[in-house]
Amino acid sequence: MYIWFYFCILAFTILFLLFIPDMFPKCSCCLKKKFRPFIRIHMAVSMNPGYGGSRSVCVKCCRKYDIKDLKELDQLIIIKRKLKLESLTKD
């Protein structure tokens, strides 16, 4: 009797841990983990489990940088990298 109870608790815990990346995705722009309703763009880009398998953008970053899809996110990331490199080489 108790074995089934422990088995059910263990199964529920494993399933919960597997779905954490979809419940709390990581924003690719600001790199913060947020609850799923605060994410506007959430797409799977590979078959990797966890945070590496999907790319997400939160509502705040979508409004701030006017991002509508992942192509615009890629362009923003490239621009941020170039600005960071320029600021490091100036000093």
Protein backbone atom coordinates (compact mmCIF):
# COMPACT_ATOMS: atom_id res chain seq x y z
CA MET A 1 0.00 0.00 0.00
CA TYR A 2 2.69 2.49 0.98
CA ILE A 3 4.87 1.53 -1.97
CA TRP A 4 2.28 2.89 -4.42
CA PHE A 5 2.00 6.07 -2.44
CA TYR A 6 5.77 6.65 -2.54
CA PHE A 7 5.86 5.69 -6.21
CA CYS A 8 3.17 8.26 -7.03
CA ILE A 9 5.00 10.97 -5.09
CA LEU A 10 8.26 10.12 -6.84
CA ALA A 11 6.60 10.12 -10.28
CA PHE A 12 4.93 13.47 -9.60
CA THR A 13 8.23 14.98 -8.45
CA ILE A 14 10.06 13.77 -11.55
CA LEU A 15 7.35 15.11 -13.86
CA PHE A 16 7.38 18.44 -12.03
CA LEU A 17 11.15 18.76 -12.44
CA LEU A 18 10.92 17.91 -16.14
CA PHE A 19 8.33 20.64 -16.79
CA ILE A 20 10.02 23.45 -14.81
CA PRO A 21 11.68 24.91 -17.96
CA ASP A 22 8.27 25.23 -19.60
CA MET A 23 6.62 26.68 -16.50
CA PHE A 24 9.45 29.15 -15.81
CA PRO A 25 11.20 29.89 -19.13
CA LYS A 26 14.34 32.01 -19.28
CA CYS A 27 14.10 35.25 -21.28
CA SER A 28 16.80 35.27 -23.98
CA CYS A 29 17.04 39.06 -23.85
CA CYS A 30 17.24 39.95 -20.14
CA LEU A 31 18.29 36.42 -19.01
CA LYS A 32 15.72 36.28 -16.18
CA LYS A 33 13.51 33.30 -15.38
CA LYS A 34 9.86 34.31 -15.37
CA PHE A 35 6.51 32.63 -14.96
CA ARG A 36 4.97 31.48 -18.27
CA PRO A 37 2.17 34.11 -18.47
CA PHE A 38 4.84 36.83 -18.52
CA ILE A 39 6.48 35.34 -21.63
CA ARG A 40 5.21 36.50 -25.02
CA ILE A 41 7.40 34.47 -27.42
CA HIS A 42 8.25 30.87 -26.48
CA MET A 43 9.44 28.52 -29.22
CA ALA A 44 11.24 25.20 -29.20
CA VAL A 45 14.42 25.42 -31.26
CA SER A 46 15.94 22.00 -30.56
CA MET A 47 15.21 18.68 -28.91
CA ASN A 48 17.35 19.44 -25.85
CA PRO A 49 15.55 19.04 -22.55
CA GLY A 50 15.71 21.94 -20.15
CA TYR A 51 16.41 25.58 -20.83
CA GLY A 52 18.61 24.95 -23.89
CA GLY A 53 15.78 23.55 -25.99
CA SER A 54 13.63 26.66 -26.26
CA ARG A 55 14.03 30.40 -26.74
CA SER A 56 11.74 32.86 -25.01
CA VAL A 57 11.23 36.61 -24.80
CA CYS A 58 9.30 38.24 -21.95
CA VAL A 59 6.57 40.84 -22.41
CA LYS A 60 8.76 43.59 -20.92
CA CYS A 61 11.60 43.02 -23.40
CA CYS A 62 9.15 42.72 -26.30
CA ARG A 63 7.77 46.17 -25.47
CA LYS A 64 11.14 47.73 -24.68
CA TYR A 65 12.93 46.57 -27.85
CA ASP A 66 9.84 46.13 -30.10
CA ILE A 67 10.50 42.42 -30.69
CA LYS A 68 7.88 40.51 -32.65
CA ASP A 69 9.72 37.30 -33.57
CA LEU A 70 12.99 35.42 -33.04
CA LYS A 71 14.71 37.03 -36.05
CA GLU A 72 14.41 40.43 -34.42
CA LEU A 73 15.74 38.93 -31.18
CA ASP A 74 18.79 37.59 -33.04
CA GLN A 75 19.44 41.02 -34.54
CA LEU A 76 19.16 42.65 -31.12
CA ILE A 77 21.62 40.17 -29.60
CA ILE A 78 24.13 40.83 -32.41
CA ILE A 79 23.81 44.61 -31.88
CA LYS A 80 24.30 44.23 -28.12
CA ARG A 81 27.44 42.14 -28.67
CA LYS A 82 28.90 44.70 -31.08
CA LEU A 83 28.21 47.56 -28.65
CA LYS A 84 29.82 45.62 -25.82
CA LEU A 85 32.92 44.89 -27.92
CA GLU A 86 33.19 48.55 -28.95
CA SER A 87 32.91 49.72 -25.35
CA LEU A 88 35.60 47.24 -24.25
CA THR A 89 38.02 48.27 -27.01
CA LYS A 90 37.57 52.02 -26.30
CA ASP A 91 39.00 51.73 -22.79
